[in-house]
Amino acid sequence: MKPLARNASSLFWIAVGLLAASTLVMWWPALDTPFWGDDYGFLHAAHATNAAGAPWWSDFWPASPPRFWRPLSQEGYWRWVDAVLGGDAHAAHGVNLALHALASLGVALLGFRVARACDWLHAGRIAALAGTAYATLGLHLLPVHWVAAANNAMLTLFTTLLLAAWVSAPGATRTLRTLLLASMPWLLALALLSKESAALTPALMVVVAVFCGVRRPTRTLVVAWCACVAIVAFWLVLRARFTANTDTAYDLTLGSNLVRNAASLVAWLLNVPREALRMAVFGERIPGLAWIAVTALPMLAAWTIAGWRGRRLLTPLQWSCVPAFAILAYGPYFLFAWNSYEYYAAIAAILPVIALARCVAADGLALAIAALIAFSSWIGVEGTRRLDHPGLIGRARWAESTLQALERQSAPATPLHVSVADEQRFYAIGVWGLAWRLDVPLERITVARECPTTGTCLVIEDDGRWHWRTKE
């Protein structure tokens, strides 16, 4: 090995080590995040279902329609959290971190198989850099800190395994090819039962096949792809039967939301925190814009340097496949009426990250790219952690301290009336959290803007302070 090549190789593996260490240190504090928001609703329902002795398959064939039909990653997963982990938040976040690690390994595996399918040099390096860079991205903030978002890591894991099988099948031996093709409908079913955006996977399979140079797919590949389409069609029928989505935030509309959501996708791929966008739009404009700049500019530099350095390493068709993959993966979220979160881009970021790894796999600039990505992610993640309300993690910690204080009080009178001045803040506790932590029957809790004229009422002010109000 020439000295220059040896030096580039050393710098590359230092870059991978930097990203791996940054990922571990950055996400480790998430273990201490309490349950919050939807966590309590799922935990409450799972405990009741387990106590009733309901069979496992009942989550996959619900008697009453849920808002989302995700029996593997929500109802079934939470029954496991309740039964095996004892409803322990620390253990549940440990599982979340493990799922995030597995999803990132899935990206590494896909990067390796894409590199082999494209006959690229340094397939191992591409896999290592793609996996660690993906694990470090700030868009994973909520899935790591919120047990209710574990579905995101499951979706990524099953999707990357499916795509890795898809690109590996053409070059495999006959027996292995049969096994790989047969696994695809099952992996897609697992992804669909984790999160509905997996319905776009057949389209992503086409983009990845074009990226890898498949011009004339074999009959077996076509059959496997058609089987995946059939799985999606069957799932759509079941989903229509089982779900009753009444949340207007998830309405699909055509309007200015398209522009807003497209801008959001760009922001998520540049590590911009959602809270920074909120600050810039709804108040504190200067700090919000500064936070956006400090996170986006290093990430933009990383994408730009890698793209320019490796501009001839990908063909024009491959370069066009990278944004096509991201846009297709983000497809349903462009139409959302209001909701937009960083983790919506979890699948959209996969092929861009693999392309970035390809561009610098043989280059000493990998260390600079890694440093830029790590710095950008740290600023976004740690900044969000330090925010008080309405920062999401700050809201969760306020909820936990409030519930701990309420638990130290004597048992509350029932019915329990709650006067809430700020619904966004109170969402971190919710009626489910009060019922679970204070051991109050759910039907005995009422929430309103004003206290009733008589009885005991828990008043939660705008700033999060609370007190009891009693009227005879």
Protein backbone atom coordinates (compact mmCIF):
# COMPACT_ATOMS: atom_id res chain seq x y z
CA MET A 1 0.00 0.00 0.00
CA LYS A 2 1.35 3.40 -0.95
CA PRO A 3 1.94 5.87 1.93
CA LEU A 4 -0.73 8.25 0.62
CA ALA A 5 -3.30 5.47 0.31
CA ARG A 6 -2.32 4.14 3.75
CA ASN A 7 -2.80 7.58 5.26
CA ALA A 8 -6.22 7.97 3.60
CA SER A 9 -7.23 4.55 4.91
CA SER A 10 -6.19 5.46 8.46
CA LEU A 11 -8.09 8.75 8.30
CA PHE A 12 -11.14 6.94 6.98
CA TRP A 13 -11.32 4.49 9.87
CA ILE A 14 -10.68 7.31 12.34
CA ALA A 15 -13.71 9.02 10.76
CA VAL A 16 -15.84 5.91 11.27
CA GLY A 17 -14.62 5.63 14.86
CA LEU A 18 -15.44 9.30 15.46
CA LEU A 19 -18.99 8.85 14.20
CA ALA A 20 -19.48 5.65 16.21
CA ALA A 21 -18.23 7.30 19.42
CA SER A 22 -20.29 10.43 18.74
CA THR A 23 -23.40 8.32 18.19
CA LEU A 24 -22.95 6.39 21.42
CA VAL A 25 -22.24 9.45 23.58
CA MET A 26 -24.95 11.56 21.92
CA TRP A 27 -27.78 9.06 22.30
CA TRP A 28 -26.81 7.48 25.64
CA PRO A 29 -28.59 10.18 27.76
CA ALA A 30 -31.87 9.15 26.11
CA LEU A 31 -31.91 6.18 28.50
CA ASP A 32 -33.00 8.56 31.27
CA THR A 33 -35.94 10.00 29.34
CA PRO A 34 -39.22 9.33 31.18
CA PHE A 35 -42.41 8.06 29.59
CA TRP A 36 -44.44 10.93 28.17
CA GLY A 37 -47.32 11.73 25.84
CA ASP A 38 -48.59 8.73 23.86
CA ASP A 39 -46.38 6.40 25.92
CA TYR A 40 -48.91 6.44 28.76
CA GLY A 41 -51.84 5.74 26.46
CA PHE A 42 -50.14 2.68 24.95
CA LEU A 43 -48.90 1.49 28.34
CA HIS A 44 -52.33 1.84 29.92
CA ALA A 45 -54.02 -0.05 27.07
CA ALA A 46 -51.33 -2.76 26.97
CA HIS A 47 -51.60 -3.40 30.70
CA ALA A 48 -55.37 -3.72 30.47
CA THR A 49 -55.10 -6.09 27.50
CA ASN A 50 -52.50 -8.26 29.23
CA ALA A 51 -54.55 -8.32 32.44
CA ALA A 52 -57.58 -9.48 30.47
CA GLY A 53 -55.56 -12.37 29.02
CA ALA A 54 -56.30 -11.40 25.42
CA PRO A 55 -54.53 -13.60 22.82
CA TRP A 56 -51.58 -12.12 20.94
CA TRP A 57 -53.40 -12.12 17.62
CA SER A 58 -56.10 -9.78 18.95
CA ASP A 59 -53.73 -6.84 18.36
CA PHE A 60 -53.55 -7.76 14.67
CA TRP A 61 -57.34 -8.05 14.37
CA PRO A 62 -58.65 -5.22 16.58
CA ALA A 63 -62.25 -5.23 17.75
CA SER A 64 -62.44 -1.41 17.71
CA PRO A 65 -60.65 0.69 15.03
CA PRO A 66 -57.48 2.49 16.17
CA ARG A 67 -56.16 5.69 14.61
CA PHE A 68 -53.18 3.80 13.19
CA TRP A 69 -53.04 0.06 12.55
CA ARG A 70 -49.50 -0.79 13.68
CA PRO A 71 -50.01 -4.00 15.65
CA LEU A 72 -46.36 -5.04 15.56
CA SER A 73 -44.73 -1.77 16.59
CA GLN A 74 -47.42 -0.31 18.84
CA GLU A 75 -50.06 -2.54 20.43
CA GLY A 76 -48.04 -5.76 20.31
CA TYR A 77 -44.80 -4.00 21.19
CA TRP A 78 -46.32 -2.25 24.19
CA ARG A 79 -47.80 -5.49 25.48
CA TRP A 80 -44.24 -6.82 25.46
CA VAL A 81 -42.96 -3.69 27.24
CA ASP A 82 -45.61 -4.18 29.93
CA ALA A 83 -45.27 -7.95 30.32
CA VAL A 84 -41.49 -8.42 29.94
CA LEU A 85 -40.03 -5.05 30.93
CA GLY A 86 -42.59 -4.36 33.64
CA GLY A 87 -43.44 -0.98 32.17
CA ASP A 88 -39.99 0.35 33.07
CA ALA A 89 -39.07 3.52 31.13
CA HIS A 90 -35.30 3.02 31.43
CA ALA A 91 -35.49 -0.51 30.03
CA ALA A 92 -37.87 0.55 27.27
CA HIS A 93 -35.49 3.29 26.14
CA GLY A 94 -32.66 0.76 26.21
CA VAL A 95 -34.65 -1.33 23.75
CA ASN A 96 -35.23 1.80 21.66
CA LEU A 97 -31.49 2.37 21.46
CA ALA A 98 -30.93 -1.26 20.49
CA LEU A 99 -33.54 -0.93 17.74
CA HIS A 100 -31.82 2.23 16.50
CA ALA A 101 -28.50 0.36 16.40
CA LEU A 102 -30.09 -2.52 14.46
CA ALA A 103 -31.69 -0.09 12.00
CA SER A 104 -28.31 1.58 11.43
CA LEU A 105 -26.72 -1.84 10.90
CA GLY A 106 -29.46 -2.46 8.35
CA VAL A 107 -28.35 0.69 6.50
CA ALA A 108 -24.74 -0.55 6.66
CA LEU A 109 -25.78 -3.93 5.23
CA LEU A 110 -27.72 -2.26 2.43
CA GLY A 111 -24.73 -0.02 1.69
CA PHE A 112 -22.49 -3.09 1.47
CA ARG A 113 -24.86 -4.97 -0.85
CA VAL A 114 -25.39 -1.90 -3.07
CA ALA A 115 -21.61 -1.47 -3.32
CA ARG A 116 -21.20 -5.11 -4.34
CA ALA A 117 -24.06 -4.90 -6.83
CA CYS A 118 -22.49 -1.78 -8.39
CA ASP A 119 -18.97 -3.30 -8.37
CA TRP A 120 -17.64 -0.45 -6.26
CA LEU A 121 -14.31 -0.66 -4.51
CA HIS A 122 -14.14 -0.44 -0.70
CA ALA A 123 -17.57 -2.01 -0.07
CA GLY A 124 -16.71 -2.54 3.60
CA ARG A 125 -15.75 1.09 4.05
CA ILE A 126 -18.93 2.28 2.35
CA ALA A 127 -20.99 0.08 4.66
CA ALA A 128 -19.20 1.28 7.80
CA LEU A 129 -19.45 4.97 6.95
CA ALA A 130 -23.07 4.74 5.77
CA GLY A 131 -24.17 2.95 8.95
CA THR A 132 -22.38 5.24 11.40
CA ALA A 133 -23.32 8.43 9.55
CA TYR A 134 -26.96 7.35 9.46
CA ALA A 135 -26.91 6.50 13.18
CA THR A 136 -25.56 9.97 14.01
CA LEU A 137 -28.16 12.01 12.11
CA GLY A 138 -30.23 14.31 14.32
CA LEU A 139 -33.47 13.23 12.65
CA HIS A 140 -33.51 10.24 15.04
CA LEU A 141 -34.10 12.51 18.05
CA LEU A 142 -37.70 11.50 18.76
CA PRO A 143 -37.47 7.75 17.99
CA VAL A 144 -34.58 7.49 20.46
CA HIS A 145 -36.23 9.61 23.19
CA TRP A 146 -39.84 8.51 22.78
CA VAL A 147 -40.82 4.86 23.20
CA ALA A 148 -44.04 5.48 21.23
CA ALA A 149 -41.86 6.18 18.16
CA ALA A 150 -40.10 2.80 18.21
CA ASN A 151 -42.05 1.99 15.05
CA ASN A 152 -39.60 4.17 13.09
CA ALA A 153 -36.56 2.01 13.84
CA MET A 154 -38.56 -1.15 13.08
CA LEU A 155 -39.65 0.29 9.74
CA THR A 156 -36.05 1.17 8.86
CA LEU A 157 -34.74 -2.25 9.88
CA PHE A 158 -37.26 -4.25 7.84
CA THR A 159 -37.02 -1.90 4.85
CA THR A 160 -33.21 -2.07 4.67
CA LEU A 161 -33.24 -5.86 5.04
CA LEU A 162 -35.77 -6.12 2.21
CA LEU A 163 -33.80 -3.78 -0.08
CA ALA A 164 -30.56 -5.61 0.74
CA ALA A 165 -32.19 -8.91 -0.24
CA TRP A 166 -33.55 -7.26 -3.41
CA VAL A 167 -30.16 -6.04 -4.65
CA SER A 168 -28.37 -9.24 -3.57
CA ALA A 169 -30.69 -11.70 -5.30
CA PRO A 170 -29.51 -11.24 -8.92
CA GLY A 171 -25.93 -12.20 -8.09
CA ALA A 172 -26.70 -14.98 -5.62
CA THR A 173 -26.60 -18.73 -6.19
CA ARG A 174 -29.88 -20.36 -7.16
CA THR A 175 -30.76 -21.61 -3.66
CA LEU A 176 -29.77 -18.39 -1.94
CA ARG A 177 -31.59 -16.34 -4.56
CA THR A 178 -34.77 -18.31 -3.92
CA LEU A 179 -34.47 -17.70 -0.18
CA LEU A 180 -33.80 -13.99 -0.66
CA LEU A 181 -36.74 -13.51 -3.00
CA ALA A 182 -39.05 -15.51 -0.74
CA SER A 183 -38.08 -13.37 2.26
CA MET A 184 -39.13 -10.10 0.63
CA PRO A 185 -42.94 -10.33 1.02
CA TRP A 186 -42.46 -11.35 4.66
CA LEU A 187 -40.11 -8.46 5.38
CA LEU A 188 -42.52 -6.07 3.68
CA ALA A 189 -45.39 -7.42 5.76
CA LEU A 190 -43.37 -6.79 8.94
CA ALA A 191 -42.59 -3.26 7.77
CA LEU A 192 -46.25 -2.56 6.96
CA LEU A 193 -47.34 -3.86 10.35
CA SER A 194 -44.82 -1.44 11.88
CA LYS A 195 -45.66 1.72 9.91
CA GLU A 196 -47.92 2.54 6.98
CA SER A 197 -45.32 4.47 4.94
CA ALA A 198 -43.83 1.07 4.04
CA ALA A 199 -46.54 0.93 1.37
CA LEU A 200 -44.12 2.84 -0.88
CA THR A 201 -41.44 0.16 -0.65
CA PRO A 202 -42.18 -1.40 -4.09
CA ALA A 203 -41.48 1.99 -5.68
CA LEU A 204 -38.23 2.25 -3.72
CA MET A 205 -37.28 -1.22 -4.93
CA VAL A 206 -37.53 0.02 -8.53
CA VAL A 207 -35.33 3.06 -7.81
CA VAL A 208 -32.69 0.95 -6.07
CA ALA A 209 -32.71 -1.56 -8.93
CA VAL A 210 -32.12 1.25 -11.44
CA PHE A 211 -29.41 2.69 -9.18
CA CYS A 212 -27.64 -0.69 -9.16
CA GLY A 213 -27.82 -0.99 -12.93
CA VAL A 214 -30.60 -3.55 -13.36
CA ARG A 215 -31.92 -2.93 -16.86
CA ARG A 216 -33.79 -6.15 -17.61
CA PRO A 217 -35.00 -7.81 -14.41
CA THR A 218 -35.30 -11.58 -14.47
CA ARG A 219 -38.65 -13.29 -14.27
CA THR A 220 -38.05 -14.28 -10.64
CA LEU A 221 -37.30 -10.67 -9.70
CA VAL A 222 -40.51 -9.53 -11.38
CA VAL A 223 -42.50 -12.23 -9.56
CA ALA A 224 -40.99 -11.17 -6.20
CA TRP A 225 -41.78 -7.52 -6.90
CA CYS A 226 -45.37 -8.37 -7.90
CA ALA A 227 -45.73 -10.37 -4.67
CA CYS A 228 -44.66 -7.28 -2.74
CA VAL A 229 -47.24 -5.17 -4.59
CA ALA A 230 -49.90 -7.77 -3.73
CA ILE A 231 -48.88 -7.61 -0.06
CA VAL A 232 -49.30 -3.82 -0.11
CA ALA A 233 -52.74 -4.13 -1.79
CA PHE A 234 -53.89 -6.67 0.80
CA TRP A 235 -52.60 -4.48 3.61
CA LEU A 236 -54.47 -1.46 2.23
CA VAL A 237 -57.71 -3.43 2.36
CA LEU A 238 -57.10 -4.46 5.96
CA ARG A 239 -56.03 -0.96 6.95
CA ALA A 240 -59.23 0.53 5.54
CA ARG A 241 -61.21 -1.99 7.57
CA PHE A 242 -59.36 -1.50 10.85
CA THR A 243 -58.55 2.21 11.12
CA ALA A 244 -60.62 5.29 11.92
CA ASN A 245 -58.33 8.31 11.67
CA THR A 246 -60.11 11.36 13.04
CA ASP A 247 -57.04 13.55 13.60
CA THR A 248 -57.13 16.50 11.18
CA ALA A 249 -53.35 16.95 11.52
CA TYR A 250 -52.96 13.81 9.38
CA ASP A 251 -55.41 14.84 6.65
CA LEU A 252 -53.93 14.62 3.16
CA THR A 253 -54.45 17.88 1.26
CA LEU A 254 -53.09 19.79 -1.72
CA GLY A 255 -52.07 23.37 -1.02
CA SER A 256 -49.39 25.42 0.65
CA ASN A 257 -48.65 22.40 2.84
CA LEU A 258 -46.76 20.91 -0.12
CA VAL A 259 -44.25 23.75 -0.05
CA ARG A 260 -43.96 23.67 3.73
CA ASN A 261 -43.44 19.91 3.84
CA ALA A 262 -40.93 19.99 0.97
CA ALA A 263 -38.96 22.64 2.86
CA SER A 264 -39.22 20.44 5.97
CA LEU A 265 -37.66 17.49 4.12
CA VAL A 266 -34.70 19.66 3.15
CA ALA A 267 -34.44 20.83 6.77
CA TRP A 268 -34.49 17.28 8.15
CA LEU A 269 -31.73 16.17 5.73
CA LEU A 270 -29.66 19.15 6.94
CA ASN A 271 -30.09 18.17 10.62
CA VAL A 272 -32.24 21.21 11.39
CA PRO A 273 -34.24 20.54 14.59
CA ARG A 274 -38.00 20.94 14.44
CA GLU A 275 -37.82 23.20 17.48
CA ALA A 276 -35.49 25.55 15.62
CA LEU A 277 -38.06 25.91 12.84
CA ARG A 278 -40.81 26.53 15.39
CA MET A 279 -38.76 29.25 17.07
CA ALA A 280 -37.98 30.94 13.75
CA VAL A 281 -41.62 30.90 12.61
CA PHE A 282 -43.59 31.51 15.80
CA GLY A 283 -41.27 33.69 17.89
CA GLU A 284 -37.67 34.10 19.03
CA ARG A 285 -36.77 34.54 15.37
CA ILE A 286 -33.11 35.50 15.76
CA PRO A 287 -32.17 32.58 18.09
CA GLY A 288 -34.18 30.21 15.87
CA LEU A 289 -32.45 31.35 12.68
CA ALA A 290 -29.06 31.17 14.37
CA TRP A 291 -29.77 27.60 15.51
CA ILE A 292 -30.87 26.67 11.99
CA ALA A 293 -27.67 28.11 10.53
CA VAL A 294 -25.36 26.37 13.02
CA THR A 295 -26.92 22.97 12.31
CA ALA A 296 -27.63 23.30 8.59
CA LEU A 297 -24.40 24.87 7.33
CA PRO A 298 -22.05 22.10 8.56
CA MET A 299 -24.39 19.42 7.19
CA LEU A 300 -24.76 21.28 3.91
CA ALA A 301 -20.98 21.50 3.71
CA ALA A 302 -20.70 17.74 4.29
CA TRP A 303 -23.21 16.95 1.51
CA THR A 304 -21.58 19.46 -0.86
CA ILE A 305 -17.97 18.44 -0.30
CA ALA A 306 -18.79 14.73 -0.63
CA GLY A 307 -20.90 15.31 -3.72
CA TRP A 308 -18.28 17.44 -5.44
CA ARG A 309 -15.41 15.13 -4.49
CA GLY A 310 -17.23 12.07 -5.80
CA ARG A 311 -19.17 13.67 -8.64
CA ARG A 312 -17.67 11.26 -11.18
CA LEU A 313 -17.98 8.18 -8.99
CA LEU A 314 -21.72 7.96 -9.68
CA THR A 315 -23.29 8.00 -13.11
CA PRO A 316 -25.81 10.73 -14.01
CA LEU A 317 -28.58 8.11 -13.71
CA GLN A 318 -27.41 7.16 -10.22
CA TRP A 319 -27.28 10.81 -9.19
CA SER A 320 -30.88 11.23 -10.35
CA CYS A 321 -31.91 8.14 -8.36
CA VAL A 322 -30.70 9.67 -5.07
CA PRO A 323 -33.27 12.53 -4.92
CA ALA A 324 -35.90 10.29 -6.53
CA PHE A 325 -35.49 7.81 -3.66
CA ALA A 326 -35.72 10.57 -1.03
CA ILE A 327 -38.82 12.14 -2.61
CA LEU A 328 -40.62 8.81 -3.01
CA ALA A 329 -39.79 7.72 0.54
CA TYR A 330 -41.15 11.01 1.90
CA GLY A 331 -44.17 10.81 -0.45
CA PRO A 332 -47.14 10.67 1.97
CA TYR A 333 -45.66 13.32 4.24
CA PHE A 334 -45.71 15.96 1.50
CA LEU A 335 -49.52 15.88 1.74
CA PHE A 336 -49.88 16.12 5.52
CA ALA A 337 -52.09 19.05 6.49
CA TRP A 338 -50.00 20.04 9.47
CA ASN A 339 -47.80 17.47 11.24
CA SER A 340 -44.11 17.33 10.31
CA TYR A 341 -41.34 15.73 12.35
CA GLU A 342 -37.69 14.96 11.63
CA TYR A 343 -38.09 11.19 11.83
CA TYR A 344 -40.44 11.25 8.83
CA ALA A 345 -37.24 11.41 6.75
CA ALA A 346 -35.73 8.23 8.23
CA ILE A 347 -36.19 6.20 5.03
CA ALA A 348 -35.59 9.16 2.71
CA ALA A 349 -32.06 9.63 4.12
CA ILE A 350 -30.88 6.06 3.45
CA LEU A 351 -29.76 6.19 -0.19
CA PRO A 352 -28.31 9.74 0.11
CA VAL A 353 -26.17 8.55 3.02
CA ILE A 354 -24.96 5.53 1.04
CA ALA A 355 -24.11 7.82 -1.88
CA LEU A 356 -22.19 10.13 0.48
CA ALA A 357 -20.22 7.15 1.80
CA ARG A 358 -19.39 6.08 -1.75
CA CYS A 359 -18.05 9.55 -2.58
CA VAL A 360 -15.47 9.64 0.23
CA ALA A 361 -14.75 5.95 0.90
CA ALA A 362 -11.26 6.20 -0.62
CA ASP A 363 -10.62 9.80 0.39
CA GLY A 364 -8.87 11.34 3.37
CA LEU A 365 -11.68 13.91 3.48
CA ALA A 366 -13.89 11.32 5.20
CA LEU A 367 -12.62 12.60 8.56
CA ALA A 368 -13.70 16.17 7.79
CA ILE A 369 -17.09 14.94 6.58
CA ALA A 370 -17.54 12.90 9.76
CA ALA A 371 -16.62 15.86 11.95
CA LEU A 372 -19.13 18.11 10.17
CA ILE A 373 -21.94 15.57 10.52
CA ALA A 374 -21.17 14.90 14.19
CA PHE A 375 -20.96 18.62 15.02
CA SER A 376 -24.24 19.41 13.26
CA SER A 377 -26.07 16.53 14.96
CA TRP A 378 -24.74 17.41 18.41
CA ILE A 379 -25.86 21.02 18.12
CA GLY A 380 -29.36 19.99 17.06
CA VAL A 381 -29.84 17.18 19.58
CA GLU A 382 -28.27 18.80 22.64
CA GLY A 383 -30.00 22.10 21.94
CA THR A 384 -33.37 20.37 21.85
CA ARG A 385 -32.62 18.54 25.08
CA ARG A 386 -31.88 21.78 26.89
CA LEU A 387 -35.06 23.55 25.81
CA ASP A 388 -37.83 23.99 28.32
CA HIS A 389 -41.43 23.90 27.09
CA PRO A 390 -42.42 23.82 24.28
CA GLY A 391 -39.29 21.81 23.54
CA LEU A 392 -40.41 18.21 23.29
CA ILE A 393 -37.84 16.69 25.65
CA GLY A 394 -38.21 19.60 28.05
CA ARG A 395 -41.95 19.00 28.07
CA ALA A 396 -41.35 15.34 28.94
CA ARG A 397 -39.11 16.24 31.88
CA TRP A 398 -41.65 18.77 33.15
CA ALA A 399 -44.30 16.05 32.99
CA GLU A 400 -42.16 13.63 34.98
CA SER A 401 -41.34 16.14 37.73
CA THR A 402 -45.01 17.13 37.98
CA LEU A 403 -46.17 13.52 38.21
CA GLN A 404 -43.55 12.73 40.84
CA ALA A 405 -44.75 15.67 42.92
CA LEU A 406 -48.38 14.59 42.53
CA GLU A 407 -47.49 11.02 43.54
CA ARG A 408 -46.12 12.33 46.83
CA GLN A 409 -49.48 13.91 47.63
CA SER A 410 -52.32 11.98 49.24
CA ALA A 411 -54.58 10.05 46.88
CA PRO A 412 -56.61 12.55 44.82
CA ALA A 413 -60.35 12.73 45.20
CA THR A 414 -62.43 11.32 42.37
CA PRO A 415 -63.75 12.37 40.04
CA LEU A 416 -60.50 14.19 39.34
CA HIS A 417 -61.11 17.52 37.57
CA VAL A 418 -58.15 19.10 35.79
CA SER A 419 -58.02 22.69 34.53
CA VAL A 420 -55.41 23.05 31.76
CA ALA A 421 -54.19 26.42 30.47
CA ASP A 422 -51.75 25.01 27.91
CA GLU A 423 -52.88 21.86 26.11
CA GLN A 424 -49.52 21.40 24.37
CA ARG A 425 -47.73 21.26 27.71
CA PHE A 426 -50.36 19.03 29.30
CA TYR A 427 -50.11 16.57 26.37
CA ALA A 428 -46.87 15.27 27.92
CA ILE A 429 -48.97 13.97 30.86
CA GLY A 430 -52.47 13.61 29.47
CA VAL A 431 -55.33 11.80 31.14
CA TRP A 432 -53.50 8.53 30.48
CA GLY A 433 -50.48 9.66 32.47
CA LEU A 434 -52.62 10.82 35.39
CA ALA A 435 -54.55 7.55 35.37
CA TRP A 436 -51.39 5.42 35.21
CA ARG A 437 -49.24 7.27 37.72
CA LEU A 438 -51.92 8.31 40.24
CA ASP A 439 -53.87 5.06 40.02
CA VAL A 440 -57.10 6.85 39.13
CA PRO A 441 -59.68 5.18 36.85
CA LEU A 442 -59.54 6.78 33.43
CA GLU A 443 -63.27 7.45 33.33
CA ARG A 444 -63.01 9.40 36.60
CA ILE A 445 -60.75 12.11 35.09
CA THR A 446 -62.16 15.15 33.29
CA VAL A 447 -60.10 17.89 31.64
CA ALA A 448 -61.39 21.37 30.83
CA ARG A 449 -60.21 24.98 30.55
CA GLU A 450 -62.04 25.98 33.72
CA CYS A 451 -62.60 24.18 37.01
CA PRO A 452 -66.16 23.12 37.91
CA THR A 453 -68.08 25.27 40.35
CA THR A 454 -67.77 22.67 43.13
CA GLY A 455 -65.32 19.97 44.13
CA THR A 456 -61.53 19.55 43.99
CA CYS A 457 -59.67 20.55 40.84
CA LEU A 458 -56.05 20.26 39.75
CA VAL A 459 -55.06 23.57 38.11
CA ILE A 460 -52.06 23.55 35.74
CA GLU A 461 -50.97 27.06 34.79
CA ASP A 462 -49.39 28.27 31.53
CA ASP A 463 -45.90 28.14 33.02
CA GLY A 464 -46.34 24.57 34.28
CA ARG A 465 -46.91 25.36 37.94
CA TRP A 466 -49.86 23.57 39.51
CA HIS A 467 -52.04 23.71 42.60
CA TRP A 468 -55.26 22.25 43.98
CA ARG A 469 -58.41 24.33 44.08
CA THR A 470 -61.31 23.28 46.28
CA LYS A 471 -64.78 24.79 46.20
CA GLU A 472 -67.72 23.75 48.37
